[in-house]
Amino acid sequence: TLAGFQPNTELPSLYGTIKDYNTNARLDSVRITWYDDRDELGLQTLYTDTLGNYSIPYIHYGVYTFHLSLNGYANQDISYELEILLPDTGIVKEANKIDDIIIDDYRREYNIFMYKLNANVKGKVYKKIDDENIADANNIVVTAKLGDINCNFGFTGITPDVYNTITDSIGFYTLNNLPATPCVKIAIFPHSDGNNSFTYNFVDVMLYSGASVSSNDITV
């Protein structure tokens, strides 16, 4: 805390537990950082305890981005809005000003999952020569885009959430130590080898913590 800074004890507290998404294990020593612009507080840091718990007392209302990091796990940026808590509408109607009805010093629970860097996926890529012939797609860039808990492939908060590799001489690829999210999209983007042009294609793959899975073949 900044020397001389006096926190407003009427403000709420944010607390919760950080766990491994796949095992539900509580994660000790997760580093949590965020920016607080009150009285030049600046970048703030705390760590989860041995039970994976964290607590941020007297935090001001607003939108925060919390950066999470732990050795062996994917970094994450979590956006969270701490809203003003009001009582029921009957009391609100009787109030003269908003400050009279804000519920002070409440505790908001926000639990978070993190993803261990131990998921692996492998597969093979073919290139279509014509309607009857395919060949091994060597030296092709393979892109993996992580999905969130619901297998949506937009913003996940995981950094990075896109990984690349290149197929070997017979079209095989391997991606090791990915964040163990529920799923990943393996994609080949449009490209040319100088003789032929190839189209976009992809396959969605379920990931498993500590395991290596084989994806379906991709033909482009």
Protein backbone atom coordinates (compact mmCIF):
# COMPACT_ATOMS: atom_id res chain seq x y z
CA THR A 1 0.00 0.00 0.00
CA LEU A 2 1.20 3.52 -0.78
CA ALA A 3 2.66 5.24 2.28
CA GLY A 4 0.12 7.64 3.73
CA PHE A 5 -2.78 6.22 1.70
CA GLN A 6 -5.90 5.79 3.80
CA PRO A 7 -8.37 3.30 2.27
CA ASN A 8 -12.08 4.03 2.37
CA THR A 9 -13.35 1.30 4.68
CA GLU A 10 -16.88 1.76 3.35
CA LEU A 11 -15.84 0.36 -0.02
CA PRO A 12 -16.46 -3.33 -0.85
CA SER A 13 -14.01 -6.21 -0.78
CA LEU A 14 -13.43 -8.70 -3.58
CA TYR A 15 -12.49 -12.25 -2.64
CA GLY A 16 -12.48 -15.76 -4.07
CA THR A 17 -10.57 -18.93 -4.83
CA ILE A 18 -8.40 -19.79 -7.82
CA LYS A 19 -8.43 -23.43 -8.94
CA ASP A 20 -7.14 -25.72 -11.68
CA TYR A 21 -9.92 -26.01 -14.27
CA ASN A 22 -9.44 -29.75 -14.82
CA THR A 23 -8.60 -31.05 -11.34
CA ASN A 24 -10.35 -28.46 -9.16
CA ALA A 25 -7.14 -28.26 -7.12
CA ARG A 26 -6.68 -25.00 -5.22
CA LEU A 27 -3.71 -23.06 -6.56
CA ASP A 28 -1.17 -21.65 -4.12
CA SER A 29 0.97 -18.57 -4.89
CA VAL A 30 -0.95 -17.34 -7.95
CA ARG A 31 0.30 -13.82 -8.64
CA ILE A 32 -2.54 -11.34 -9.18
CA THR A 33 -1.77 -7.85 -10.48
CA TRP A 34 -4.07 -4.97 -11.37
CA TYR A 35 -3.95 -1.21 -11.76
CA ASP A 36 -5.53 1.06 -9.13
CA ASP A 37 -5.53 4.77 -9.97
CA ARG A 38 -6.55 6.06 -6.53
CA ASP A 39 -3.99 8.48 -5.08
CA GLU A 40 -1.29 7.13 -7.39
CA LEU A 41 -1.53 3.59 -6.01
CA GLY A 42 -0.60 2.28 -9.45
CA LEU A 43 0.17 -1.37 -10.05
CA GLN A 44 -0.98 -3.59 -7.19
CA THR A 45 0.08 -7.19 -6.51
CA LEU A 46 -0.99 -9.98 -4.19
CA TYR A 47 -0.72 -13.79 -4.07
CA THR A 48 -3.18 -16.56 -3.25
CA ASP A 49 -2.61 -18.39 0.03
CA THR A 50 -1.97 -22.12 0.46
CA LEU A 51 -5.69 -22.81 -0.05
CA GLY A 52 -5.87 -20.80 -3.25
CA ASN A 53 -7.77 -17.94 -1.62
CA TYR A 54 -7.31 -14.24 -2.31
CA SER A 55 -8.88 -11.10 -0.84
CA ILE A 56 -8.73 -7.49 -2.02
CA PRO A 57 -10.17 -5.18 0.67
CA TYR A 58 -11.66 -1.73 0.12
CA ILE A 59 -11.48 -1.77 -3.67
CA HIS A 60 -13.19 1.04 -5.55
CA TYR A 61 -16.16 0.47 -7.85
CA GLY A 62 -15.27 0.09 -11.51
CA VAL A 63 -13.93 -2.23 -14.20
CA TYR A 64 -10.62 -3.96 -13.52
CA THR A 65 -8.32 -6.21 -15.52
CA PHE A 66 -6.64 -8.74 -13.26
CA HIS A 67 -3.52 -10.44 -14.63
CA LEU A 68 -2.96 -13.95 -13.26
CA SER A 69 0.32 -15.84 -13.46
CA LEU A 70 1.66 -19.06 -11.96
CA ASN A 71 4.56 -21.25 -13.04
CA GLY A 72 3.31 -24.15 -15.17
CA TYR A 73 0.00 -22.43 -15.98
CA ALA A 74 -1.17 -20.16 -18.79
CA ASN A 75 -1.19 -16.44 -18.05
CA GLN A 76 -4.67 -14.94 -17.96
CA ASP A 77 -6.20 -11.47 -18.14
CA ILE A 78 -9.55 -11.39 -16.37
CA SER A 79 -11.92 -8.44 -16.78
CA TYR A 80 -14.26 -7.85 -13.84
CA GLU A 81 -16.71 -5.06 -13.02
CA LEU A 82 -17.29 -4.26 -9.37
CA GLU A 83 -20.70 -2.63 -9.32
CA ILE A 84 -22.42 -0.48 -6.74
CA LEU A 85 -24.79 -2.58 -4.64
CA LEU A 86 -28.22 -1.11 -3.98
CA PRO A 87 -31.08 -2.37 -1.80
CA ASP A 88 -34.61 -3.15 -3.05
CA THR A 89 -36.50 -0.57 -5.11
CA GLY A 90 -38.83 0.46 -2.26
CA ILE A 91 -35.95 1.91 -0.29
CA VAL A 92 -34.45 3.47 -3.41
CA LYS A 93 -37.64 5.44 -4.07
CA GLU A 94 -37.55 6.90 -0.57
CA ALA A 95 -33.91 8.06 -0.79
CA ASN A 96 -32.90 11.67 -1.37
CA LYS A 97 -29.50 10.88 -2.89
CA ILE A 98 -27.61 7.82 -4.11
CA ASP A 99 -25.02 7.93 -1.31
CA ASP A 100 -27.79 7.33 1.21
CA ILE A 101 -28.73 3.93 -0.24
CA ILE A 102 -25.43 2.40 -1.40
CA ILE A 103 -24.71 -0.73 0.62
CA ASP A 104 -21.26 -0.18 2.12
CA ASP A 105 -18.53 -2.65 2.99
CA TYR A 106 -20.03 -5.68 1.26
CA ARG A 107 -18.02 -8.70 0.11
CA ARG A 108 -18.23 -9.81 -3.53
CA GLU A 109 -17.13 -13.38 -4.33
CA TYR A 110 -15.39 -14.08 -7.65
CA ASN A 111 -13.85 -17.50 -8.23
CA ILE A 112 -11.44 -18.16 -11.11
CA PHE A 113 -10.07 -21.17 -13.00
CA MET A 114 -6.61 -21.46 -14.53
CA TYR A 115 -5.29 -23.88 -17.17
CA LYS A 116 -2.18 -25.99 -16.77
CA LEU A 117 0.33 -26.07 -19.65
CA ASN A 118 0.19 -29.83 -20.19
CA ALA A 119 -2.19 -30.57 -23.09
CA ASN A 120 -0.84 -32.00 -26.35
CA VAL A 121 -2.39 -32.52 -29.79
CA LYS A 122 -1.05 -34.11 -32.97
CA GLY A 123 -2.39 -34.77 -36.43
CA LYS A 124 -1.72 -34.84 -40.16
CA VAL A 125 -2.36 -32.45 -43.02
CA TYR A 126 -2.92 -33.42 -46.66
CA LYS A 127 -3.03 -31.18 -49.68
CA LYS A 128 -5.50 -31.79 -52.49
CA ILE A 129 -3.77 -32.04 -55.85
CA ASP A 130 -6.93 -32.65 -57.90
CA ASP A 131 -10.29 -34.38 -57.48
CA GLU A 132 -8.65 -37.80 -57.23
CA ASN A 133 -5.26 -37.16 -55.66
CA ILE A 134 -3.92 -35.87 -52.34
CA ALA A 135 -0.36 -35.62 -51.02
CA ASP A 136 1.38 -35.06 -47.70
CA ALA A 137 1.31 -31.35 -46.86
CA ASN A 138 4.87 -30.74 -45.72
CA ASN A 139 6.15 -27.44 -44.36
CA ILE A 140 2.62 -26.05 -43.80
CA VAL A 141 1.86 -23.62 -40.94
CA VAL A 142 -0.66 -25.10 -38.50
CA THR A 143 -2.48 -22.64 -36.23
CA ALA A 144 -4.14 -23.60 -32.95
CA LYS A 145 -6.73 -21.23 -31.42
CA LEU A 146 -7.84 -22.01 -27.88
CA GLY A 147 -11.50 -22.05 -26.92
CA ASP A 148 -13.04 -20.96 -23.64
CA ILE A 149 -15.08 -23.04 -21.18
CA ASN A 150 -17.99 -23.12 -23.64
CA CYS A 151 -15.74 -23.85 -26.65
CA ASN A 152 -16.21 -20.34 -28.02
CA PHE A 153 -13.18 -19.21 -29.99
CA GLY A 154 -13.36 -15.48 -29.34
CA PHE A 155 -11.61 -13.73 -26.48
CA THR A 156 -10.46 -16.22 -23.85
CA GLY A 157 -8.30 -14.03 -21.60
CA ILE A 158 -5.46 -16.55 -21.97
CA THR A 159 -2.18 -15.06 -23.18
CA PRO A 160 -1.22 -16.26 -25.66
CA ASP A 161 -4.27 -18.13 -26.93
CA VAL A 162 -2.91 -18.76 -30.45
CA TYR A 163 -0.05 -21.17 -31.18
CA ASN A 164 1.69 -22.11 -34.43
CA THR A 165 3.78 -24.98 -35.66
CA ILE A 166 4.88 -26.41 -39.03
CA THR A 167 4.20 -29.84 -40.51
CA ASP A 168 7.16 -32.15 -41.04
CA SER A 169 8.28 -33.74 -44.31
CA ILE A 170 5.29 -36.13 -44.38
CA GLY A 171 2.61 -33.72 -43.16
CA PHE A 172 2.52 -34.48 -39.43
CA TYR A 173 2.36 -31.79 -36.76
CA THR A 174 2.58 -31.76 -32.96
CA LEU A 175 1.63 -29.06 -30.49
CA ASN A 176 2.90 -29.67 -26.97
CA ASN A 177 2.27 -28.00 -23.61
CA LEU A 178 -0.84 -26.12 -24.64
CA PRO A 179 -3.09 -24.66 -21.93
CA ALA A 180 -5.50 -27.46 -21.01
CA THR A 181 -8.66 -25.62 -22.06
CA PRO A 182 -11.71 -27.69 -23.06
CA CYS A 183 -11.04 -27.38 -26.78
CA VAL A 184 -8.83 -26.00 -29.51
CA LYS A 185 -9.42 -25.17 -33.18
CA ILE A 186 -6.67 -26.50 -35.47
CA ALA A 187 -6.66 -24.51 -38.71
CA ILE A 188 -4.80 -24.22 -41.98
CA PHE A 189 -5.16 -20.84 -43.63
CA PRO A 190 -5.25 -20.24 -47.41
CA HIS A 191 -1.79 -20.45 -48.95
CA SER A 192 0.18 -21.44 -52.04
CA ASP A 193 3.19 -23.70 -52.43
CA GLY A 194 4.12 -22.04 -55.70
CA ASN A 195 2.37 -24.61 -57.83
CA ASN A 196 -1.01 -25.00 -56.13
CA SER A 197 -3.28 -22.77 -54.04
CA PHE A 198 -4.94 -24.31 -50.98
CA THR A 199 -8.09 -23.27 -49.13
CA TYR A 200 -8.90 -22.78 -45.46
CA ASN A 201 -9.87 -25.81 -43.41
CA PHE A 202 -10.05 -26.64 -39.71
CA VAL A 203 -10.96 -29.24 -37.12
CA ASP A 204 -12.10 -28.74 -33.51
CA VAL A 205 -10.35 -30.94 -30.95
CA MET A 206 -11.16 -31.66 -27.32
CA LEU A 207 -8.13 -31.21 -25.03
CA TYR A 208 -7.34 -33.14 -21.86
CA SER A 209 -5.01 -32.17 -19.06
CA GLY A 210 -1.83 -34.25 -19.06
CA ALA A 211 -2.78 -36.15 -22.20
CA SER A 212 -1.94 -36.22 -25.90
CA VAL A 213 -4.84 -36.45 -28.36
CA SER A 214 -4.89 -37.14 -32.10
CA SER A 215 -7.01 -34.87 -34.27
CA ASN A 216 -8.80 -35.85 -37.44
CA ASP A 217 -6.81 -35.38 -40.64
CA ILE A 218 -7.09 -32.02 -42.39
CA THR A 219 -7.16 -31.74 -46.17
CA VAL A 220 -6.67 -28.37 -47.84
